[in-house]
Amino acid sequence: MKLRLIVGMALGALLVFSGAAMAKDTAETAQGALVGPGKGFVQLLDSLDLSAAQKHQVAAILKDARDKSQPLRDSLKASFAKLREIMDKTPGDEAAVRQAAKVMSDAAVELAVERGKVKAALDAVLTPEQRSKRDALRAEFKQKFLERKETRHQEIDAWIERNL
C-alpha cells in the first residue's frame, strides 16, 4: 500500500511539472506557473495588452528561463525515464522505486523553484491590472482543467465498478 502511495505521489508530481519538463520553446518553459502548455500561454500574453517595452522584457525573461531551465527539464525527463524503467523491470523493489522517485522529486523541485523565479520576474513587469487579468484567466483555465480531471476520474471509477 505504501509503495502505491509513493508511486502515485511521484507520478502526480511529475504530472504537475510535466508541462515544463516537456516544453520545447520559450513560451512552454515559463508558462506552467501561469496557464498551461503551448499556445494558451501566447494567447494569455496577447490578452494582457502588453506595451512594446513589456513585450521586450517578457521575451527576455522567457528566453533566459528557457536557457536556465533546459538542464532542469532534461534532468526531470531522465529521472522519470529511470523510474519508468525500474517500474517496468522491478516494480516490487520498493527501495529502488523510492530512490528513483526521490531523484525525480528532487528534479521537479528544482524546476518548480526556477518556474517560481520566472513568475516573480514576470509579475514585476506586469501592472496590477494585468496581473489581475492574468490571475482571472489562470483561474478559469484551472477550473476547466479540474473539471476535465474529475470527469476522467469518474470514468475510471465507473470502469472499476463495472469490473469488480
Protein backbone atom coordinates (compact mmCIF):
# COMPACT_ATOMS: atom_id res chain seq x y z
CA MET A 1 0.00 0.00 0.00
CA LYS A 2 2.81 2.42 0.87
CA LEU A 3 4.52 1.62 -2.41
CA ARG A 4 1.40 2.50 -4.37
CA LEU A 5 1.06 5.74 -2.44
CA ILE A 6 4.68 6.71 -3.08
CA VAL A 7 4.50 5.87 -6.77
CA GLY A 8 1.18 7.69 -7.05
CA MET A 9 2.61 10.78 -5.38
CA ALA A 10 5.70 10.68 -7.57
CA LEU A 11 3.66 10.34 -10.72
CA GLY A 12 1.32 13.08 -9.52
CA ALA A 13 4.30 15.37 -9.00
CA LEU A 14 5.50 14.52 -12.46
CA LEU A 15 2.13 15.39 -13.96
CA VAL A 16 2.21 18.74 -12.20
CA PHE A 17 5.61 19.54 -13.65
CA SER A 18 5.43 17.67 -16.93
CA GLY A 19 4.29 20.71 -18.91
CA ALA A 20 7.54 22.45 -18.13
CA ALA A 21 9.53 19.25 -18.33
CA MET A 22 8.38 18.53 -21.86
CA ALA A 23 8.48 22.12 -23.08
CA LYS A 24 10.32 22.79 -26.29
CA ASP A 25 10.11 26.53 -26.72
CA THR A 26 10.24 29.70 -24.69
CA ALA A 27 6.54 30.01 -24.05
CA GLU A 28 6.27 26.45 -22.81
CA THR A 29 9.21 26.89 -20.45
CA ALA A 30 7.84 29.54 -18.15
CA GLN A 31 4.12 29.40 -18.66
CA GLY A 32 3.35 26.47 -16.39
CA ALA A 33 3.17 28.86 -13.46
CA LEU A 34 0.51 30.76 -15.35
CA VAL A 35 -1.83 28.77 -17.59
CA GLY A 36 -0.60 25.59 -19.20
CA PRO A 37 1.40 24.32 -22.13
CA GLY A 38 1.86 25.87 -25.53
CA LYS A 39 -0.46 28.13 -27.41
CA GLY A 40 -2.56 29.02 -24.38
CA PHE A 41 0.30 30.98 -22.85
CA VAL A 42 0.81 33.00 -26.01
CA GLN A 43 -2.92 33.74 -26.06
CA LEU A 44 -2.71 34.80 -22.42
CA LEU A 45 0.17 37.18 -23.15
CA ASP A 46 -1.71 38.61 -26.12
CA SER A 47 -4.80 39.17 -23.96
CA LEU A 48 -2.84 41.28 -21.44
CA ASP A 49 -2.32 44.18 -23.87
CA LEU A 50 1.39 44.45 -23.09
CA SER A 51 3.21 47.56 -24.19
CA ALA A 52 6.13 47.19 -26.59
CA ALA A 53 8.54 47.64 -23.67
CA GLN A 54 6.74 45.00 -21.62
CA LYS A 55 6.77 42.56 -24.55
CA HIS A 56 10.52 43.04 -24.86
CA GLN A 57 11.04 42.50 -21.11
CA VAL A 58 8.80 39.41 -21.04
CA ALA A 59 10.56 37.96 -24.09
CA ALA A 60 13.94 38.45 -22.41
CA ILE A 61 12.70 36.81 -19.20
CA LEU A 62 11.30 33.85 -21.13
CA LYS A 63 14.46 33.41 -23.20
CA ASP A 64 16.60 33.44 -20.08
CA ALA A 65 14.21 31.00 -18.40
CA ARG A 66 14.38 28.65 -21.36
CA ASP A 67 18.15 28.62 -21.24
CA LYS A 68 18.31 28.11 -17.46
CA SER A 69 15.56 25.52 -17.27
CA GLN A 70 16.69 23.27 -20.14
CA PRO A 71 19.10 21.26 -17.96
CA LEU A 72 16.40 21.02 -15.28
CA ARG A 73 13.84 19.76 -17.79
CA ASP A 74 16.37 17.26 -19.12
CA SER A 75 17.09 16.07 -15.59
CA LEU A 76 13.39 15.62 -14.85
CA LYS A 77 12.83 13.71 -18.09
CA ALA A 78 15.82 11.45 -17.37
CA SER A 79 14.74 10.78 -13.80
CA PHE A 80 11.20 9.95 -14.93
CA ALA A 81 12.59 7.59 -17.58
CA LYS A 82 14.67 5.89 -14.88
CA LEU A 83 11.60 5.49 -12.65
CA ARG A 84 9.63 4.00 -15.56
CA GLU A 85 12.50 1.62 -16.25
CA ILE A 86 12.57 0.47 -12.63
CA MET A 87 8.79 0.11 -12.55
CA ASP A 88 8.89 -1.96 -15.75
CA LYS A 89 11.74 -4.24 -14.64
CA THR A 90 11.44 -4.47 -10.85
CA PRO A 91 8.18 -2.87 -9.65
CA GLY A 92 8.34 -4.78 -6.38
CA ASP A 93 11.75 -3.39 -5.44
CA GLU A 94 10.49 -0.78 -3.01
CA ALA A 95 13.95 0.62 -2.23
CA ALA A 96 14.74 1.16 -5.91
CA VAL A 97 11.34 2.72 -6.57
CA ARG A 98 11.74 5.02 -3.57
CA GLN A 99 15.21 6.11 -4.67
CA ALA A 100 14.12 6.75 -8.27
CA ALA A 101 11.04 8.63 -7.09
CA LYS A 102 13.18 10.75 -4.76
CA VAL A 103 15.55 11.66 -7.59
CA MET A 104 12.58 12.57 -9.77
CA SER A 105 11.04 14.59 -6.95
CA ASP A 106 14.29 16.50 -6.38
CA ALA A 107 14.47 17.34 -10.09
CA ALA A 108 10.84 18.52 -10.04
CA VAL A 109 11.57 20.73 -7.03
CA GLU A 110 14.46 22.44 -8.80
CA LEU A 111 12.32 23.05 -11.86
CA ALA A 112 9.48 24.40 -9.71
CA VAL A 113 11.86 26.81 -7.98
CA GLU A 114 13.04 28.08 -11.36
CA ARG A 115 9.45 28.47 -12.54
CA GLY A 116 8.68 30.43 -9.39
CA LYS A 117 11.54 32.79 -10.17
CA VAL A 118 10.19 33.29 -13.68
CA LYS A 119 6.71 34.02 -12.37
CA ALA A 120 8.14 36.57 -9.93
CA ALA A 121 10.11 38.23 -12.73
CA LEU A 122 7.01 38.37 -14.93
CA ASP A 123 4.95 39.78 -12.06
CA ALA A 124 7.46 42.61 -11.74
CA VAL A 125 6.87 43.58 -15.38
CA LEU A 126 3.06 43.44 -15.31
CA THR A 127 0.84 46.19 -13.98
CA PRO A 128 -1.56 45.34 -11.15
CA GLU A 129 -4.43 45.27 -13.66
CA GLN A 130 -2.54 42.90 -15.95
CA ARG A 131 -1.70 40.61 -13.03
CA SER A 132 -5.38 40.57 -12.01
CA LYS A 133 -6.46 39.74 -15.56
CA ARG A 134 -3.78 37.03 -15.79
CA ASP A 135 -4.88 35.56 -12.47
CA ALA A 136 -8.53 35.51 -13.56
CA LEU A 137 -7.66 33.79 -16.83
CA ARG A 138 -5.46 31.32 -14.96
CA ALA A 139 -8.29 30.55 -12.50
CA GLU A 140 -10.64 29.94 -15.44
CA PHE A 141 -8.11 27.59 -17.04
CA LYS A 142 -7.56 25.78 -13.76
CA GLN A 143 -11.30 25.28 -13.26
CA LYS A 144 -11.66 23.78 -16.74
CA PHE A 145 -8.65 21.52 -16.08
CA LEU A 146 -10.11 20.34 -12.78
CA GLU A 147 -13.46 19.63 -14.42
CA ARG A 148 -11.79 17.52 -17.12
CA LYS A 149 -9.74 15.74 -14.45
CA GLU A 150 -12.87 14.98 -12.40
CA THR A 151 -14.60 13.59 -15.49
CA ARG A 152 -11.64 11.28 -16.14
CA HIS A 153 -11.68 10.13 -12.52
CA GLN A 154 -15.40 9.42 -12.74
CA GLU A 155 -14.85 7.39 -15.91
CA ILE A 156 -12.16 5.33 -14.18
CA ASP A 157 -14.35 4.86 -11.10
CA ALA A 158 -17.23 3.69 -13.31
CA TRP A 159 -14.96 1.24 -15.11
CA ILE A 160 -13.71 -0.15 -11.81
CA GLU A 161 -17.27 -0.60 -10.54
CA ARG A 162 -18.34 -2.35 -13.75
CA ASN A 163 -15.45 -4.76 -13.47
CA LEU A 164 -15.45 -5.61 -9.77
